[in-house]
Amino acid sequence: GVDQVWTLADNTTVNLTASQLQQLYVALQAHIASVHERGRIARQLIFDAETKEQVEEINL
């Protein structure tokens, strides 16, 4: 429950409240879950592909 200075992609900083940090954490968890799901789908599509062209057509 502490406020924190957060460094952005452009190397500037912003002050985040404890509540904002909790919201950021939730958003990061959702993003990570989405990336893992796309990875699982991609691996299955690659595994199921029978030709190089089928692999190249995979677009997630």
PDB file of N, CA and C in Angstrom:
ATOM      1  N   GLY A   1       0.789  -1.199   0.000  1.00  0.00           N
ATOM      2  CA  GLY A   1       0.000   0.000   0.000  1.00  0.00           C
ATOM      3  C   GLY A   1       0.834   1.267   0.000  1.00  0.00           C
ATOM      4  N   VAL A   2       1.882   1.337  -0.792  1.00  0.00           N
ATOM      5  CA  VAL A   2       2.712   2.538  -0.851  1.00  0.00           C
ATOM      6  C   VAL A   2       2.696   3.129  -2.257  1.00  0.00           C
ATOM      7  N   ASP A   3       2.821   4.449  -2.329  1.00  0.00           N
ATOM      8  CA  ASP A   3       2.948   5.109  -3.614  1.00  0.00           C
ATOM      9  C   ASP A   3       4.328   4.802  -4.190  1.00  0.00           C
ATOM     10  N   GLN A   4       4.451   4.933  -5.511  1.00  0.00           N
ATOM     11  CA  GLN A   4       5.703   4.541  -6.161  1.00  0.00           C
ATOM     12  C   GLN A   4       5.956   5.430  -7.374  1.00  0.00           C
ATOM     13  N   VAL A   5       7.225   5.698  -7.636  1.00  0.00           N
ATOM     14  CA  VAL A   5       7.609   6.374  -8.876  1.00  0.00           C
ATOM     15  C   VAL A   5       7.763   5.290  -9.936  1.00  0.00           C
ATOM     16  N   TRP A   6       7.115   5.475 -11.102  1.00  0.00           N
ATOM     17  CA  TRP A   6       7.125   4.486 -12.171  1.00  0.00           C
ATOM     18  C   TRP A   6       7.812   5.090 -13.378  1.00  0.00           C
ATOM     19  N   THR A   7       8.763   4.374 -13.972  1.00  0.00           N
ATOM     20  CA  THR A   7       9.472   4.853 -15.152  1.00  0.00           C
ATOM     21  C   THR A   7       8.753   4.367 -16.404  1.00  0.00           C
ATOM     22  N   LEU A   8       8.482   5.298 -17.309  1.00  0.00           N
ATOM     23  CA  LEU A   8       7.760   5.005 -18.546  1.00  0.00           C
ATOM     24  C   LEU A   8       8.730   4.620 -19.665  1.00  0.00           C
ATOM     25  N   ALA A   9       8.181   4.187 -20.799  1.00  0.00           N
ATOM     26  CA  ALA A   9       8.994   3.732 -21.930  1.00  0.00           C
ATOM     27  C   ALA A   9       9.929   4.821 -22.435  1.00  0.00           C
ATOM     28  N   ASP A  10       9.501   6.081 -22.336  1.00  0.00           N
ATOM     29  CA  ASP A  10      10.354   7.172 -22.820  1.00  0.00           C
ATOM     30  C   ASP A  10      11.320   7.670 -21.746  1.00  0.00           C
ATOM     31  N   ASN A  11      11.415   6.915 -20.666  1.00  0.00           N
ATOM     32  CA  ASN A  11      12.326   7.188 -19.555  1.00  0.00           C
ATOM     33  C   ASN A  11      11.890   8.353 -18.672  1.00  0.00           C
ATOM     34  N   THR A  12      10.693   8.878 -18.874  1.00  0.00           N
ATOM     35  CA  THR A  12      10.147   9.854 -17.932  1.00  0.00           C
ATOM     36  C   THR A  12       9.520   9.076 -16.775  1.00  0.00           C
ATOM     37  N   THR A  13       9.208   9.762 -15.715  1.00  0.00           N
ATOM     38  CA  THR A  13       8.626   9.091 -14.563  1.00  0.00           C
ATOM     39  C   THR A  13       7.294   9.721 -14.190  1.00  0.00           C
ATOM     40  N   VAL A  14       6.453   8.926 -13.564  1.00  0.00           N
ATOM     41  CA  VAL A  14       5.183   9.400 -13.015  1.00  0.00           C
ATOM     42  C   VAL A  14       5.047   8.839 -11.611  1.00  0.00           C
ATOM     43  N   ASN A  15       4.320   9.547 -10.788  1.00  0.00           N
ATOM     44  CA  ASN A  15       4.024   9.066  -9.444  1.00  0.00           C
ATOM     45  C   ASN A  15       2.708   8.304  -9.488  1.00  0.00           C
ATOM     46  N   LEU A  16       2.732   7.054  -9.043  1.00  0.00           N
ATOM     47  CA  LEU A  16       1.521   6.244  -8.993  1.00  0.00           C
ATOM     48  C   LEU A  16       1.128   6.007  -7.546  1.00  0.00           C
ATOM     49  N   THR A  17      -0.170   6.129  -7.297  1.00  0.00           N
ATOM     50  CA  THR A  17      -0.672   5.834  -5.953  1.00  0.00           C
ATOM     51  C   THR A  17      -0.718   4.324  -5.771  1.00  0.00           C
ATOM     52  N   ALA A  18      -0.895   3.895  -4.547  1.00  0.00           N
ATOM     53  CA  ALA A  18      -1.002   2.462  -4.267  1.00  0.00           C
ATOM     54  C   ALA A  18      -2.153   1.858  -5.060  1.00  0.00           C
ATOM     55  N   SER A  19      -3.257   2.561  -5.158  1.00  0.00           N
ATOM     56  CA  SER A  19      -4.412   2.087  -5.916  1.00  0.00           C
ATOM     57  C   SER A  19      -4.084   1.964  -7.407  1.00  0.00           C
ATOM     58  N   GLN A  20      -3.381   2.939  -7.963  1.00  0.00           N
ATOM     59  CA  GLN A  20      -2.984   2.882  -9.367  1.00  0.00           C
ATOM     60  C   GLN A  20      -2.026   1.717  -9.617  1.00  0.00           C
ATOM     61  N   LEU A  21      -1.135   1.463  -8.672  1.00  0.00           N
ATOM     62  CA  LEU A  21      -0.214   0.329  -8.808  1.00  0.00           C
ATOM     63  C   LEU A  21      -0.977  -0.992  -8.801  1.00  0.00           C
ATOM     64  N   GLN A  22      -2.008  -1.088  -7.974  1.00  0.00           N
ATOM     65  CA  GLN A  22      -2.824  -2.299  -7.955  1.00  0.00           C
ATOM     66  C   GLN A  22      -3.545  -2.478  -9.294  1.00  0.00           C
ATOM     67  N   GLN A  23      -4.055  -1.402  -9.857  1.00  0.00           N
ATOM     68  CA  GLN A  23      -4.718  -1.459 -11.161  1.00  0.00           C
ATOM     69  C   GLN A  23      -3.722  -1.853 -12.255  1.00  0.00           C
ATOM     70  N   LEU A  24      -2.509  -1.324 -12.169  1.00  0.00           N
ATOM     71  CA  LEU A  24      -1.466  -1.671 -13.135  1.00  0.00           C
ATOM     72  C   LEU A  24      -1.145  -3.160 -13.042  1.00  0.00           C
ATOM     73  N   TYR A  25      -1.056  -3.666 -11.833  1.00  0.00           N
ATOM     74  CA  TYR A  25      -0.774  -5.083 -11.617  1.00  0.00           C
ATOM     75  C   TYR A  25      -1.858  -5.956 -12.253  1.00  0.00           C
ATOM     76  N   VAL A  26      -3.108  -5.588 -12.078  1.00  0.00           N
ATOM     77  CA  VAL A  26      -4.218  -6.336 -12.664  1.00  0.00           C
ATOM     78  C   VAL A  26      -4.126  -6.300 -14.190  1.00  0.00           C
ATOM     79  N   ALA A  27      -3.830  -5.126 -14.756  1.00  0.00           N
ATOM     80  CA  ALA A  27      -3.706  -4.993 -16.214  1.00  0.00           C
ATOM     81  C   ALA A  27      -2.547  -5.834 -16.734  1.00  0.00           C
ATOM     82  N   LEU A  28      -1.432  -5.848 -16.010  1.00  0.00           N
ATOM     83  CA  LEU A  28      -0.287  -6.660 -16.433  1.00  0.00           C
ATOM     84  C   LEU A  28      -0.612  -8.148 -16.387  1.00  0.00           C
ATOM     85  N   GLN A  29      -1.340  -8.581 -15.374  1.00  0.00           N
ATOM     86  CA  GLN A  29      -1.737  -9.984 -15.282  1.00  0.00           C
ATOM     87  C   GLN A  29      -2.605 -10.371 -16.475  1.00  0.00           C
ATOM     88  N   ALA A  30      -3.548  -9.507 -16.845  1.00  0.00           N
ATOM     89  CA  ALA A  30      -4.424  -9.785 -17.981  1.00  0.00           C
ATOM     90  C   ALA A  30      -3.614  -9.854 -19.276  1.00  0.00           C
ATOM     91  N   HIS A  31      -2.666  -8.946 -19.433  1.00  0.00           N
ATOM     92  CA  HIS A  31      -1.825  -8.936 -20.637  1.00  0.00           C
ATOM     93  C   HIS A  31      -0.997 -10.218 -20.724  1.00  0.00           C
ATOM     94  N   ILE A  32      -0.392 -10.609 -19.629  1.00  0.00           N
ATOM     95  CA  ILE A  32       0.435 -11.819 -19.609  1.00  0.00           C
ATOM     96  C   ILE A  32      -0.412 -13.050 -19.919  1.00  0.00           C
ATOM     97  N   ALA A  33      -1.608 -13.129 -19.353  1.00  0.00           N
ATOM     98  CA  ALA A  33      -2.496 -14.262 -19.621  1.00  0.00           C
ATOM     99  C   ALA A  33      -2.857 -14.315 -21.107  1.00  0.00           C
ATOM    100  N   SER A  34      -3.101 -13.160 -21.707  1.00  0.00           N
ATOM    101  CA  SER A  34      -3.442 -13.091 -23.130  1.00  0.00           C
ATOM    102  C   SER A  34      -2.276 -13.561 -23.997  1.00  0.00           C
ATOM    103  N   VAL A  35      -1.076 -13.133 -23.659  1.00  0.00           N
ATOM    104  CA  VAL A  35       0.114 -13.536 -24.420  1.00  0.00           C
ATOM    105  C   VAL A  35       0.330 -15.043 -24.303  1.00  0.00           C
ATOM    106  N   HIS A  36       0.156 -15.590 -23.120  1.00  0.00           N
ATOM    107  CA  HIS A  36       0.322 -17.032 -22.941  1.00  0.00           C
ATOM    108  C   HIS A  36      -0.723 -17.806 -23.736  1.00  0.00           C
ATOM    109  N   GLU A  37      -1.955 -17.315 -23.762  1.00  0.00           N
ATOM    110  CA  GLU A  37      -3.007 -17.985 -24.527  1.00  0.00           C
ATOM    111  C   GLU A  37      -2.686 -17.988 -26.016  1.00  0.00           C
ATOM    112  N   ARG A  38      -2.241 -16.847 -26.545  1.00  0.00           N
ATOM    113  CA  ARG A  38      -1.863 -16.789 -27.965  1.00  0.00           C
ATOM    114  C   ARG A  38      -0.702 -17.736 -28.247  1.00  0.00           C
ATOM    115  N   GLY A  39       0.224 -17.837 -27.318  1.00  0.00           N
ATOM    116  CA  GLY A  39       1.346 -18.756 -27.480  1.00  0.00           C
ATOM    117  C   GLY A  39       0.890 -20.207 -27.539  1.00  0.00           C
ATOM    118  N   ARG A  40      -0.051 -20.574 -26.657  1.00  0.00           N
ATOM    119  CA  ARG A  40      -0.579 -21.940 -26.672  1.00  0.00           C
ATOM    120  C   ARG A  40      -1.266 -22.234 -28.003  1.00  0.00           C
ATOM    121  N   ILE A  41      -2.059 -21.269 -28.490  1.00  0.00           N
ATOM    122  CA  ILE A  41      -2.759 -21.452 -29.765  1.00  0.00           C
ATOM    123  C   ILE A  41      -1.749 -21.587 -30.902  1.00  0.00           C
ATOM    124  N   ALA A  42      -0.745 -20.721 -30.915  1.00  0.00           N
ATOM    125  CA  ALA A  42       0.265 -20.756 -31.980  1.00  0.00           C
ATOM    126  C   ALA A  42       1.009 -22.081 -31.975  1.00  0.00           C
ATOM    127  N   ARG A  43       1.407 -22.547 -30.796  1.00  0.00           N
ATOM    128  CA  ARG A  43       2.124 -23.832 -30.724  1.00  0.00           C
ATOM    129  C   ARG A  43       1.264 -24.971 -31.259  1.00  0.00           C
ATOM    130  N   GLN A  44      -0.029 -24.966 -30.929  1.00  0.00           N
ATOM    131  CA  GLN A  44      -0.905 -26.025 -31.410  1.00  0.00           C
ATOM    132  C   GLN A  44      -1.075 -25.946 -32.924  1.00  0.00           C
ATOM    133  N   LEU A  45      -1.249 -24.737 -33.453  1.00  0.00           N
ATOM    134  CA  LEU A  45      -1.385 -24.580 -34.903  1.00  0.00           C
ATOM    135  C   LEU A  45      -0.118 -25.027 -35.630  1.00  0.00           C
ATOM    136  N   ILE A  46       1.037 -24.709 -35.075  1.00  0.00           N
ATOM    137  CA  ILE A  46       2.302 -25.137 -35.680  1.00  0.00           C
ATOM    138  C   ILE A  46       2.417 -26.654 -35.619  1.00  0.00           C
ATOM    139  N   PHE A  47       2.073 -27.217 -34.476  1.00  0.00           N
ATOM    140  CA  PHE A  47       2.138 -28.671 -34.316  1.00  0.00           C
ATOM    141  C   PHE A  47       1.215 -29.373 -35.308  1.00  0.00           C
ATOM    142  N   ASP A  48       0.027 -28.803 -35.535  1.00  0.00           N
ATOM    143  CA  ASP A  48      -0.964 -29.418 -36.427  1.00  0.00           C
ATOM    144  C   ASP A  48      -0.677 -29.179 -37.912  1.00  0.00           C
ATOM    145  N   ALA A  49       0.169 -28.210 -38.227  1.00  0.00           N
ATOM    146  CA  ALA A  49       0.446 -27.882 -39.626  1.00  0.00           C
ATOM    147  C   ALA A  49       1.157 -29.042 -40.315  1.00  0.00           C
ATOM    148  N   GLU A  50       0.823 -29.215 -41.563  1.00  0.00           N
ATOM    149  CA  GLU A  50       1.437 -30.293 -42.341  1.00  0.00           C
ATOM    150  C   GLU A  50       2.380 -29.772 -43.414  1.00  0.00           C
ATOM    151  N   THR A  51       2.332 -28.447 -43.673  1.00  0.00           N
ATOM    152  CA  THR A  51       3.208 -27.876 -44.693  1.00  0.00           C
ATOM    153  C   THR A  51       3.816 -26.577 -44.174  1.00  0.00           C
ATOM    154  N   LYS A  52       4.891 -26.174 -44.814  1.00  0.00           N
ATOM    155  CA  LYS A  52       5.538 -24.904 -44.485  1.00  0.00           C
ATOM    156  C   LYS A  52       4.562 -23.746 -44.697  1.00  0.00           C
ATOM    157  N   GLU A  53       3.749 -23.842 -45.743  1.00  0.00           N
ATOM    158  CA  GLU A  53       2.797 -22.779 -46.060  1.00  0.00           C
ATOM    159  C   GLU A  53       1.766 -22.620 -44.954  1.00  0.00           C
ATOM    160  N   GLN A  54       1.326 -23.713 -44.383  1.00  0.00           N
ATOM    161  CA  GLN A  54       0.368 -23.646 -43.277  1.00  0.00           C
ATOM    162  C   GLN A  54       0.979 -22.927 -42.070  1.00  0.00           C
ATOM    163  N   VAL A  55       2.230 -23.187 -41.812  1.00  0.00           N
ATOM    164  CA  VAL A  55       2.911 -22.503 -40.708  1.00  0.00           C
ATOM    165  C   VAL A  55       3.017 -21.017 -41.012  1.00  0.00           C
ATOM    166  N   GLU A  56       3.382 -20.679 -42.246  1.00  0.00           N
ATOM    167  CA  GLU A  56       3.542 -19.273 -42.615  1.00  0.00           C
ATOM    168  C   GLU A  56       2.225 -18.514 -42.586  1.00  0.00           C
ATOM    169  N   GLU A  57       1.089 -19.204 -42.709  1.00  0.00           N
ATOM    170  CA  GLU A  57      -0.213 -18.557 -42.697  1.00  0.00           C
ATOM    171  C   GLU A  57      -0.698 -18.227 -41.285  1.00  0.00           C
ATOM    172  N   ILE A  58      -0.042 -18.769 -40.281  1.00  0.00           N
ATOM    173  CA  ILE A  58      -0.460 -18.532 -38.897  1.00  0.00           C
ATOM    174  C   ILE A  58      -0.237 -17.060 -38.565  1.00  0.00           C
ATOM    175  N   ASN A  59      -1.306 -16.421 -38.111  1.00  0.00           N
ATOM    176  CA  ASN A  59      -1.248 -14.989 -37.808  1.00  0.00           C
ATOM    177  C   ASN A  59      -2.069 -14.729 -36.552  1.00  0.00           C
ATOM    178  N   LEU A  60      -1.399 -14.608 -35.449  1.00  0.00           N
ATOM    179  CA  LEU A  60      -2.097 -14.355 -34.188  1.00  0.00           C
ATOM    180  C   LEU A  60      -1.837 -12.967 -33.750  1.00  0.00           C
TER     181      LEU A  60
END
